[in-house]
Amino acid sequence: METVLEVNHLSKQFDTFSLEDVSFQLPKGSIMGFVGENGAGKTTTIKLILNLINKNSGQVKMFGLDHMKDEKQIKEQIGVVFDNSHFHDHLRPDDIAKIMRNIFQNWDDALFTNYLKTFKLPLNKTVKEYSKGMKMKLSIATALSHHPKLLLLDEATSGLDPIVRNEILDILLDFIQDEERSILLSSHITSDLEKIADYITFIHDGKIVFSESKDELIYEYGIMKCGIEDFKKISKSDIVGYRKGQFGYEVLVRDKKEMEKKYRGFVIDHTNIEEIILFHVRGEEQ
């Protein structure tokens, strides 16, 4: 499987936070959801990938190129969107196009205009007059209009209403249809990731907890519900995490089908990305 982004043993130490040994790979033609609570290290990781801050150790490759040695060549091929607009308040879309023509060799005025129409963005207004949703659409339109092969989005759908979020998700799905382009989408909105992501990478407290296929996560994991006596019968090696409630235990297990065979009579429900993450963050471990 060809990879477009490889992050290997990436580390960064701050006074009050450390990113430790972060590793994952983004296959070509796919969308990876990069998920974690606020302060988990998502933005730090993306800034390290982009060489906006200096790493302490590790390696990052995009398109097989080193992110430091080949930075200029790489940045011609990537589009980046952060959670806040970084355009000056007094710029209009035409002004942004003029700036971008001088930055990207493959800047496409016609494509930019098409995205502006698709997003229904007014051409005669300044960025200051745009709503938050309009600013985000403008950032995405700009990021897409130089034909990037890789799109990096940091909480791009955060704070937007569901209608605008769905519009943006549709654009992202369309972007990867040729299977030549890829997306790393940092978000804490797991429902968005369940709609469009092929892979989920979960970071917690500066460490990668898992990086797996979304379908494998959803269909292989399950939540076993039982009383205290049945809980005692479950092998510790089968428990990913558990929660003790008023009416018994909820136990996160992997390989749902195998667990159903092993623990006949136990109720094992389907789960979702949010539940899996909550068990890892707030559940107890054996």
C-alpha atoms as a PDB file:
ATOM      1  CA  MET A   1       0.000   0.000   0.000  1.00  0.00           C
ATOM      2  CA  GLU A   2       1.475   3.337  -1.077  1.00  0.00           C
ATOM      3  CA  THR A   3       1.658   5.950   1.682  1.00  0.00           C
ATOM      4  CA  VAL A   4       1.504   9.705   1.152  1.00  0.00           C
ATOM      5  CA  LEU A   5       2.413  10.699   4.733  1.00  0.00           C
ATOM      6  CA  GLU A   6       4.700   8.827   7.121  1.00  0.00           C
ATOM      7  CA  VAL A   7       5.229  10.013  10.695  1.00  0.00           C
ATOM      8  CA  ASN A   8       7.872   8.003  12.543  1.00  0.00           C
ATOM      9  CA  HIS A   9       8.759   8.338  16.246  1.00  0.00           C
ATOM     10  CA  LEU A  10       8.016  12.073  16.310  1.00  0.00           C
ATOM     11  CA  SER A  11       8.695  13.773  19.659  1.00  0.00           C
ATOM     12  CA  LYS A  12       8.546  17.321  20.988  1.00  0.00           C
ATOM     13  CA  GLN A  13       9.067  18.524  24.560  1.00  0.00           C
ATOM     14  CA  PHE A  14       7.537  21.685  25.992  1.00  0.00           C
ATOM     15  CA  ASP A  15       7.650  22.919  29.585  1.00  0.00           C
ATOM     16  CA  THR A  16       4.197  21.551  30.434  1.00  0.00           C
ATOM     17  CA  PHE A  17       3.493  19.059  27.637  1.00  0.00           C
ATOM     18  CA  SER A  18       5.323  16.375  25.677  1.00  0.00           C
ATOM     19  CA  LEU A  19       4.553  14.730  22.373  1.00  0.00           C
ATOM     20  CA  GLU A  20       6.092  11.276  22.621  1.00  0.00           C
ATOM     21  CA  ASP A  21       7.051   8.780  19.917  1.00  0.00           C
ATOM     22  CA  VAL A  22       4.159   9.615  17.551  1.00  0.00           C
ATOM     23  CA  SER A  23       3.976   7.268  14.555  1.00  0.00           C
ATOM     24  CA  PHE A  24       1.306   6.673  11.888  1.00  0.00           C
ATOM     25  CA  GLN A  25       0.959   6.331   8.118  1.00  0.00           C
ATOM     26  CA  LEU A  26      -1.659   7.805   5.778  1.00  0.00           C
ATOM     27  CA  PRO A  27      -2.290   5.605   2.697  1.00  0.00           C
ATOM     28  CA  LYS A  28      -2.656   7.324  -0.659  1.00  0.00           C
ATOM     29  CA  GLY A  29      -6.230   8.046  -1.764  1.00  0.00           C
ATOM     30  CA  SER A  30      -7.721   7.909   1.721  1.00  0.00           C
ATOM     31  CA  ILE A  31      -8.996  10.121   4.548  1.00  0.00           C
ATOM     32  CA  MET A  32      -7.558   9.763   8.029  1.00  0.00           C
ATOM     33  CA  GLY A  33      -9.400  11.198  11.009  1.00  0.00           C
ATOM     34  CA  PHE A  34      -6.917  12.480  13.596  1.00  0.00           C
ATOM     35  CA  VAL A  35      -8.855  12.573  16.831  1.00  0.00           C
ATOM     36  CA  GLY A  36      -8.218  13.467  20.459  1.00  0.00           C
ATOM     37  CA  GLU A  37      -9.471  15.786  23.161  1.00  0.00           C
ATOM     38  CA  ASN A  38      -8.347  19.429  23.316  1.00  0.00           C
ATOM     39  CA  GLY A  39      -4.705  19.585  24.361  1.00  0.00           C
ATOM     40  CA  ALA A  40      -3.968  15.983  23.323  1.00  0.00           C
ATOM     41  CA  GLY A  41      -1.363  17.023  20.740  1.00  0.00           C
ATOM     42  CA  LYS A  42      -3.261  17.173  17.425  1.00  0.00           C
ATOM     43  CA  THR A  43      -2.263  20.719  16.472  1.00  0.00           C
ATOM     44  CA  THR A  44       1.305  20.216  17.701  1.00  0.00           C
ATOM     45  CA  THR A  45       1.629  17.127  15.509  1.00  0.00           C
ATOM     46  CA  ILE A  46       0.315  18.963  12.447  1.00  0.00           C
ATOM     47  CA  LYS A  47       2.657  21.900  13.047  1.00  0.00           C
ATOM     48  CA  LEU A  48       5.576  19.487  13.342  1.00  0.00           C
ATOM     49  CA  ILE A  49       4.548  17.782  10.094  1.00  0.00           C
ATOM     50  CA  LEU A  50       4.515  21.192   8.413  1.00  0.00           C
ATOM     51  CA  ASN A  51       7.879  22.110   9.977  1.00  0.00           C
ATOM     52  CA  LEU A  52       6.311  25.167  11.627  1.00  0.00           C
ATOM     53  CA  ILE A  53       7.904  24.181  14.937  1.00  0.00           C
ATOM     54  CA  ASN A  54      11.116  22.246  15.502  1.00  0.00           C
ATOM     55  CA  LYS A  55      10.931  18.596  16.508  1.00  0.00           C
ATOM     56  CA  ASN A  56      13.183  17.048  19.145  1.00  0.00           C
ATOM     57  CA  SER A  57      13.375  13.728  17.319  1.00  0.00           C
ATOM     58  CA  GLY A  58      11.658  11.613  14.692  1.00  0.00           C
ATOM     59  CA  GLN A  59      11.090  11.718  10.958  1.00  0.00           C
ATOM     60  CA  VAL A  60       8.301  12.962   8.691  1.00  0.00           C
ATOM     61  CA  LYS A  61       8.002  12.082   5.012  1.00  0.00           C
ATOM     62  CA  MET A  62       5.433  13.296   2.492  1.00  0.00           C
ATOM     63  CA  PHE A  63       5.365  11.782  -1.012  1.00  0.00           C
ATOM     64  CA  GLY A  64       8.563   9.956   0.002  1.00  0.00           C
ATOM     65  CA  LEU A  65      10.329  13.298   0.615  1.00  0.00           C
ATOM     66  CA  ASP A  66      11.817  14.587   3.864  1.00  0.00           C
ATOM     67  CA  HIS A  67       9.663  17.376   5.332  1.00  0.00           C
ATOM     68  CA  MET A  68      12.723  19.507   6.144  1.00  0.00           C
ATOM     69  CA  LYS A  69      15.145  18.852   3.283  1.00  0.00           C
ATOM     70  CA  ASP A  70      12.436  18.989   0.624  1.00  0.00           C
ATOM     71  CA  GLU A  71      10.111  21.496   2.322  1.00  0.00           C
ATOM     72  CA  LYS A  72       9.580  23.786  -0.674  1.00  0.00           C
ATOM     73  CA  GLN A  73       8.802  20.917  -3.049  1.00  0.00           C
ATOM     74  CA  ILE A  74       6.406  19.364  -0.520  1.00  0.00           C
ATOM     75  CA  LYS A  75       4.496  22.565   0.213  1.00  0.00           C
ATOM     76  CA  GLU A  76       3.742  23.015  -3.482  1.00  0.00           C
ATOM     77  CA  GLN A  77       1.745  19.782  -3.207  1.00  0.00           C
ATOM     78  CA  ILE A  78      -0.172  20.284   0.035  1.00  0.00           C
ATOM     79  CA  GLY A  79      -3.136  22.386   1.133  1.00  0.00           C
ATOM     80  CA  VAL A  80      -3.503  23.446   4.766  1.00  0.00           C
ATOM     81  CA  VAL A  81      -6.526  24.699   6.702  1.00  0.00           C
ATOM     82  CA  PHE A  82      -6.395  25.665  10.379  1.00  0.00           C
ATOM     83  CA  ASP A  83      -9.389  26.206  12.674  1.00  0.00           C
ATOM     84  CA  ASN A  84      -9.217  29.992  12.323  1.00  0.00           C
ATOM     85  CA  SER A  85      -8.925  32.129   9.196  1.00  0.00           C
ATOM     86  CA  HIS A  86      -5.442  33.584   8.740  1.00  0.00           C
ATOM     87  CA  PHE A  87      -6.416  36.022   5.972  1.00  0.00           C
ATOM     88  CA  HIS A  88      -6.234  39.739   6.685  1.00  0.00           C
ATOM     89  CA  ASP A  89      -9.651  41.205   7.537  1.00  0.00           C
ATOM     90  CA  HIS A  90      -9.595  43.685   4.654  1.00  0.00           C
ATOM     91  CA  LEU A  91      -8.877  41.187   1.853  1.00  0.00           C
ATOM     92  CA  ARG A  92     -11.497  40.153  -0.702  1.00  0.00           C
ATOM     93  CA  PRO A  93     -11.418  36.860  -2.633  1.00  0.00           C
ATOM     94  CA  ASP A  94      -9.802  38.570  -5.654  1.00  0.00           C
ATOM     95  CA  ASP A  95      -7.013  39.862  -3.416  1.00  0.00           C
ATOM     96  CA  ILE A  96      -6.400  36.369  -2.074  1.00  0.00           C
ATOM     97  CA  ALA A  97      -6.225  34.973  -5.615  1.00  0.00           C
ATOM     98  CA  LYS A  98      -3.609  37.607  -6.565  1.00  0.00           C
ATOM     99  CA  ILE A  99      -1.456  36.624  -3.572  1.00  0.00           C
ATOM    100  CA  MET A 100      -1.780  32.891  -4.213  1.00  0.00           C
ATOM    101  CA  ARG A 101      -0.795  33.233  -7.887  1.00  0.00           C
ATOM    102  CA  ASN A 102       2.627  34.379  -6.688  1.00  0.00           C
ATOM    103  CA  ILE A 103       2.982  31.542  -4.166  1.00  0.00           C
ATOM    104  CA  PHE A 104       1.815  28.386  -5.942  1.00  0.00           C
ATOM    105  CA  GLN A 105       2.931  27.380  -9.437  1.00  0.00           C
ATOM    106  CA  ASN A 106      -0.279  25.393  -9.972  1.00  0.00           C
ATOM    107  CA  TRP A 107      -2.694  28.038  -8.721  1.00  0.00           C
ATOM    108  CA  ASP A 108      -5.946  27.754 -10.712  1.00  0.00           C
ATOM    109  CA  ASP A 109      -8.072  30.924 -10.900  1.00  0.00           C
ATOM    110  CA  ALA A 110     -10.949  29.117 -12.615  1.00  0.00           C
ATOM    111  CA  LEU A 111     -11.059  26.412  -9.946  1.00  0.00           C
ATOM    112  CA  PHE A 112     -10.963  29.027  -7.166  1.00  0.00           C
ATOM    113  CA  THR A 113     -13.853  30.900  -8.773  1.00  0.00           C
ATOM    114  CA  ASN A 114     -15.780  27.656  -9.087  1.00  0.00           C
ATOM    115  CA  TYR A 115     -15.331  26.889  -5.379  1.00  0.00           C
ATOM    116  CA  LEU A 116     -16.438  30.423  -4.484  1.00  0.00           C
ATOM    117  CA  LYS A 117     -19.634  29.853  -6.464  1.00  0.00           C
ATOM    118  CA  THR A 118     -20.168  26.392  -5.002  1.00  0.00           C
ATOM    119  CA  PHE A 119     -19.781  27.778  -1.480  1.00  0.00           C
ATOM    120  CA  LYS A 120     -21.934  30.838  -2.336  1.00  0.00           C
ATOM    121  CA  LEU A 121     -19.245  33.219  -1.077  1.00  0.00           C
ATOM    122  CA  PRO A 122     -19.781  36.930  -1.894  1.00  0.00           C
ATOM    123  CA  LEU A 123     -16.980  38.362  -4.022  1.00  0.00           C
ATOM    124  CA  ASN A 124     -17.548  41.985  -3.039  1.00  0.00           C
ATOM    125  CA  LYS A 125     -17.209  41.497   0.734  1.00  0.00           C
ATOM    126  CA  THR A 126     -14.044  41.488   2.825  1.00  0.00           C
ATOM    127  CA  VAL A 127     -12.982  38.651   5.114  1.00  0.00           C
ATOM    128  CA  LYS A 128     -14.032  40.800   8.072  1.00  0.00           C
ATOM    129  CA  GLU A 129     -17.630  40.751   6.789  1.00  0.00           C
ATOM    130  CA  TYR A 130     -17.708  36.947   6.445  1.00  0.00           C
ATOM    131  CA  SER A 131     -19.297  34.677   9.043  1.00  0.00           C
ATOM    132  CA  LYS A 132     -17.187  31.948  10.682  1.00  0.00           C
ATOM    133  CA  GLY A 133     -18.618  29.357   8.306  1.00  0.00           C
ATOM    134  CA  MET A 134     -17.904  31.552   5.272  1.00  0.00           C
ATOM    135  CA  LYS A 135     -14.315  32.125   6.443  1.00  0.00           C
ATOM    136  CA  MET A 136     -13.790  28.386   6.739  1.00  0.00           C
ATOM    137  CA  LYS A 137     -15.230  27.789   3.270  1.00  0.00           C
ATOM    138  CA  LEU A 138     -12.913  30.489   1.896  1.00  0.00           C
ATOM    139  CA  SER A 139      -9.910  28.821   3.570  1.00  0.00           C
ATOM    140  CA  ILE A 140     -10.851  25.436   2.105  1.00  0.00           C
ATOM    141  CA  ALA A 141     -11.485  26.905  -1.357  1.00  0.00           C
ATOM    142  CA  THR A 142      -8.039  28.514  -1.233  1.00  0.00           C
ATOM    143  CA  ALA A 143      -6.349  25.333  -0.020  1.00  0.00           C
ATOM    144  CA  LEU A 144      -7.912  23.286  -2.832  1.00  0.00           C
ATOM    145  CA  SER A 145      -7.270  25.702  -5.689  1.00  0.00           C
ATOM    146  CA  HIS A 146      -3.632  24.861  -6.395  1.00  0.00           C
ATOM    147  CA  HIS A 147      -4.418  21.158  -7.006  1.00  0.00           C
ATOM    148  CA  PRO A 148      -2.779  19.750  -3.847  1.00  0.00           C
ATOM    149  CA  LYS A 149      -2.166  16.023  -3.488  1.00  0.00           C
ATOM    150  CA  LEU A 150      -2.510  16.127   0.297  1.00  0.00           C
ATOM    151  CA  LEU A 151      -4.883  18.221   2.397  1.00  0.00           C
ATOM    152  CA  LEU A 152      -4.194  18.856   6.096  1.00  0.00           C
ATOM    153  CA  LEU A 153      -7.113  20.239   8.105  1.00  0.00           C
ATOM    154  CA  ASP A 154      -6.878  21.131  11.793  1.00  0.00           C
ATOM    155  CA  GLU A 155     -10.366  21.294  13.391  1.00  0.00           C
ATOM    156  CA  ALA A 156     -11.708  22.776  10.141  1.00  0.00           C
ATOM    157  CA  THR A 157     -15.333  21.839  10.945  1.00  0.00           C
ATOM    158  CA  SER A 158     -15.211  22.895  14.605  1.00  0.00           C
ATOM    159  CA  GLY A 159     -17.871  25.416  15.613  1.00  0.00           C
ATOM    160  CA  LEU A 160     -19.770  25.190  12.315  1.00  0.00           C
ATOM    161  CA  ASP A 161     -23.444  24.334  12.062  1.00  0.00           C
ATOM    162  CA  PRO A 162     -24.381  20.838  10.777  1.00  0.00           C
ATOM    163  CA  ILE A 163     -25.469  22.079   7.330  1.00  0.00           C
ATOM    164  CA  VAL A 164     -22.158  23.841   6.648  1.00  0.00           C
ATOM    165  CA  ARG A 165     -20.227  20.866   8.051  1.00  0.00           C
ATOM    166  CA  ASN A 166     -22.028  18.495   5.687  1.00  0.00           C
ATOM    167  CA  GLU A 167     -21.249  20.775   2.715  1.00  0.00           C
ATOM    168  CA  ILE A 168     -17.567  20.698   3.641  1.00  0.00           C
ATOM    169  CA  LEU A 169     -17.552  16.917   4.156  1.00  0.00           C
ATOM    170  CA  ASP A 170     -19.073  16.455   0.692  1.00  0.00           C
ATOM    171  CA  ILE A 171     -16.321  18.603  -0.829  1.00  0.00           C
ATOM    172  CA  LEU A 172     -13.662  16.540   0.974  1.00  0.00           C
ATOM    173  CA  LEU A 173     -15.151  13.268  -0.269  1.00  0.00           C
ATOM    174  CA  ASP A 174     -15.214  14.640  -3.809  1.00  0.00           C
ATOM    175  CA  PHE A 175     -11.572  15.729  -3.448  1.00  0.00           C
ATOM    176  CA  ILE A 176     -10.321  12.145  -2.984  1.00  0.00           C
ATOM    177  CA  GLN A 177     -12.502  10.470  -5.634  1.00  0.00           C
ATOM    178  CA  ASP A 178      -9.613   9.984  -8.077  1.00  0.00           C
ATOM    179  CA  GLU A 179      -7.741   7.985  -5.393  1.00  0.00           C
ATOM    180  CA  GLU A 180      -4.637  10.068  -6.066  1.00  0.00           C
ATOM    181  CA  ARG A 181      -5.259  12.612  -3.304  1.00  0.00           C
ATOM    182  CA  SER A 182      -5.410  12.202   0.466  1.00  0.00           C
ATOM    183  CA  ILE A 183      -6.626  14.031   3.574  1.00  0.00           C
ATOM    184  CA  LEU A 184      -5.533  14.218   7.213  1.00  0.00           C
ATOM    185  CA  LEU A 185      -8.493  15.687   9.102  1.00  0.00           C
ATOM    186  CA  SER A 186      -7.961  16.624  12.738  1.00  0.00           C
ATOM    187  CA  SER A 187     -11.269  16.811  14.589  1.00  0.00           C
ATOM    188  CA  HIS A 188     -13.006  16.066  17.871  1.00  0.00           C
ATOM    189  CA  ILE A 189     -16.360  15.608  16.080  1.00  0.00           C
ATOM    190  CA  THR A 190     -16.342  11.825  15.772  1.00  0.00           C
ATOM    191  CA  SER A 191     -19.659  11.720  13.895  1.00  0.00           C
ATOM    192  CA  ASP A 192     -18.018  13.633  11.014  1.00  0.00           C
ATOM    193  CA  LEU A 193     -15.138  11.179  10.954  1.00  0.00           C
ATOM    194  CA  GLU A 194     -17.474   8.181  10.932  1.00  0.00           C
ATOM    195  CA  LYS A 195     -19.093   9.603   7.785  1.00  0.00           C
ATOM    196  CA  ILE A 196     -15.977  10.117   5.698  1.00  0.00           C
ATOM    197  CA  ALA A 197     -12.803   8.673   7.256  1.00  0.00           C
ATOM    198  CA  ASP A 198     -11.105   5.484   6.090  1.00  0.00           C
ATOM    199  CA  TYR A 199      -8.709   5.432   9.044  1.00  0.00           C
ATOM    200  CA  ILE A 200      -8.793   6.771  12.602  1.00  0.00           C
ATOM    201  CA  THR A 201      -5.697   7.794  14.545  1.00  0.00           C
ATOM    202  CA  PHE A 202      -6.355   8.550  18.211  1.00  0.00           C
ATOM    203  CA  ILE A 203      -3.907  10.640  20.229  1.00  0.00           C
ATOM    204  CA  HIS A 204      -4.208  11.047  23.998  1.00  0.00           C
ATOM    205  CA  ASP A 205      -1.897  13.006  26.281  1.00  0.00           C
ATOM    206  CA  GLY A 206       0.758  13.297  23.569  1.00  0.00           C
ATOM    207  CA  LYS A 207       0.822   9.590  22.679  1.00  0.00           C
ATOM    208  CA  ILE A 208      -0.807   7.588  19.888  1.00  0.00           C
ATOM    209  CA  VAL A 209      -3.296   5.119  21.396  1.00  0.00           C
ATOM    210  CA  PHE A 210      -4.256   3.493  18.088  1.00  0.00           C
ATOM    211  CA  SER A 211      -4.141   4.082  14.333  1.00  0.00           C
ATOM    212  CA  GLU A 212      -6.495   1.696  12.567  1.00  0.00           C
ATOM    213  CA  SER A 213      -9.044   1.227   9.816  1.00  0.00           C
ATOM    214  CA  LYS A 214     -12.354   2.837  10.780  1.00  0.00           C
ATOM    215  CA  ASP A 215     -14.343  -0.204   9.684  1.00  0.00           C
ATOM    216  CA  GLU A 216     -12.192  -2.518  11.778  1.00  0.00           C
ATOM    217  CA  LEU A 217     -12.707  -0.297  14.812  1.00  0.00           C
ATOM    218  CA  ILE A 218     -16.479  -0.132  14.414  1.00  0.00           C
ATOM    219  CA  TYR A 219     -17.088  -3.766  13.474  1.00  0.00           C
ATOM    220  CA  GLU A 220     -14.428  -5.504  15.570  1.00  0.00           C
ATOM    221  CA  TYR A 221     -14.903  -3.732  18.885  1.00  0.00           C
ATOM    222  CA  GLY A 222     -17.949  -4.351  21.060  1.00  0.00           C
ATOM    223  CA  ILE A 223     -19.320  -3.431  24.483  1.00  0.00           C
ATOM    224  CA  MET A 224     -20.127  -6.335  26.781  1.00  0.00           C
ATOM    225  CA  LYS A 225     -22.723  -5.608  29.468  1.00  0.00           C
ATOM    226  CA  CYS A 226     -22.770  -7.820  32.551  1.00  0.00           C
ATOM    227  CA  GLY A 227     -23.134  -8.087  36.315  1.00  0.00           C
ATOM    228  CA  ILE A 228     -20.298  -8.445  38.793  1.00  0.00           C
ATOM    229  CA  GLU A 229     -20.279 -12.263  38.770  1.00  0.00           C
ATOM    230  CA  ASP A 230     -20.081 -12.431  34.975  1.00  0.00           C
ATOM    231  CA  PHE A 231     -17.458  -9.690  34.986  1.00  0.00           C
ATOM    232  CA  LYS A 232     -15.232 -11.894  37.141  1.00  0.00           C
ATOM    233  CA  LYS A 233     -15.451 -14.630  34.473  1.00  0.00           C
ATOM    234  CA  ILE A 234     -13.953 -12.412  31.745  1.00  0.00           C
ATOM    235  CA  SER A 235     -10.270 -12.963  31.099  1.00  0.00           C
ATOM    236  CA  LYS A 236      -8.170  -9.883  31.817  1.00  0.00           C
ATOM    237  CA  SER A 237      -6.477 -10.280  28.442  1.00  0.00           C
ATOM    238  CA  ASP A 238      -9.855  -9.829  26.695  1.00  0.00           C
ATOM    239  CA  ILE A 239     -10.631  -6.502  28.396  1.00  0.00           C
ATOM    240  CA  VAL A 240      -9.561  -3.326  26.576  1.00  0.00           C
ATOM    241  CA  GLY A 241     -11.210  -1.179  29.235  1.00  0.00           C
ATOM    242  CA  TYR A 242     -14.266  -1.208  31.476  1.00  0.00           C
ATOM    243  CA  ARG A 243     -16.677   1.046  33.319  1.00  0.00           C
ATOM    244  CA  LYS A 244     -18.521   0.194  36.512  1.00  0.00           C
ATOM    245  CA  GLY A 245     -22.027   1.620  36.673  1.00  0.00           C
ATOM    246  CA  GLN A 246     -25.042   1.501  38.948  1.00  0.00           C
ATOM    247  CA  PHE A 247     -26.409  -1.623  37.269  1.00  0.00           C
ATOM    248  CA  GLY A 248     -23.217  -3.528  36.500  1.00  0.00           C
ATOM    249  CA  TYR A 249     -20.249  -3.365  34.152  1.00  0.00           C
ATOM    250  CA  GLU A 250     -19.660  -2.217  30.597  1.00  0.00           C
ATOM    251  CA  VAL A 251     -16.595  -3.847  29.102  1.00  0.00           C
ATOM    252  CA  LEU A 252     -14.894  -2.839  25.849  1.00  0.00           C
ATOM    253  CA  VAL A 253     -13.657  -5.925  24.002  1.00  0.00           C
ATOM    254  CA  ARG A 254     -11.935  -6.496  20.707  1.00  0.00           C
ATOM    255  CA  ASP A 255     -12.817  -9.161  18.118  1.00  0.00           C
ATOM    256  CA  LYS A 256     -16.536  -9.083  18.837  1.00  0.00           C
ATOM    257  CA  LYS A 257     -17.333 -12.327  17.001  1.00  0.00           C
ATOM    258  CA  GLU A 258     -14.662 -14.267  18.874  1.00  0.00           C
ATOM    259  CA  MET A 259     -15.883 -12.868  22.196  1.00  0.00           C
ATOM    260  CA  GLU A 260     -19.470 -13.946  21.376  1.00  0.00           C
ATOM    261  CA  LYS A 261     -18.216 -17.507  20.863  1.00  0.00           C
ATOM    262  CA  LYS A 262     -16.060 -17.447  23.997  1.00  0.00           C
ATOM    263  CA  TYR A 263     -18.651 -15.883  26.303  1.00  0.00           C
ATOM    264  CA  ARG A 264     -21.929 -17.419  25.197  1.00  0.00           C
ATOM    265  CA  GLY A 265     -24.971 -15.800  26.756  1.00  0.00           C
ATOM    266  CA  PHE A 266     -23.228 -12.471  27.323  1.00  0.00           C
ATOM    267  CA  VAL A 267     -24.749  -9.432  25.643  1.00  0.00           C
ATOM    268  CA  ILE A 268     -22.214  -7.708  23.342  1.00  0.00           C
ATOM    269  CA  ASP A 269     -23.450  -4.530  21.664  1.00  0.00           C
ATOM    270  CA  HIS A 270     -22.032  -2.681  18.666  1.00  0.00           C
ATOM    271  CA  THR A 271     -20.010   0.428  19.440  1.00  0.00           C
ATOM    272  CA  ASN A 272     -18.795   3.591  17.721  1.00  0.00           C
ATOM    273  CA  ILE A 273     -15.657   5.721  17.553  1.00  0.00           C
ATOM    274  CA  GLU A 274     -16.734   8.030  20.376  1.00  0.00           C
ATOM    275  CA  GLU A 275     -17.435   5.128  22.750  1.00  0.00           C
ATOM    276  CA  ILE A 276     -14.099   3.472  21.958  1.00  0.00           C
ATOM    277  CA  ILE A 277     -12.282   6.724  22.685  1.00  0.00           C
ATOM    278  CA  LEU A 278     -14.201   7.302  25.932  1.00  0.00           C
ATOM    279  CA  PHE A 279     -13.280   3.836  27.171  1.00  0.00           C
ATOM    280  CA  HIS A 280      -9.632   4.554  26.458  1.00  0.00           C
ATOM    281  CA  VAL A 281      -9.731   7.981  28.141  1.00  0.00           C
ATOM    282  CA  ARG A 282     -12.159   7.485  31.030  1.00  0.00           C
ATOM    283  CA  GLY A 283     -12.519   3.731  31.376  1.00  0.00           C
ATOM    284  CA  GLU A 284     -10.520   1.600  33.776  1.00  0.00           C
ATOM    285  CA  GLU A 285      -7.946  -0.946  32.706  1.00  0.00           C
ATOM    286  CA  GLN A 286      -7.333  -4.411  34.094  1.00  0.00           C
END
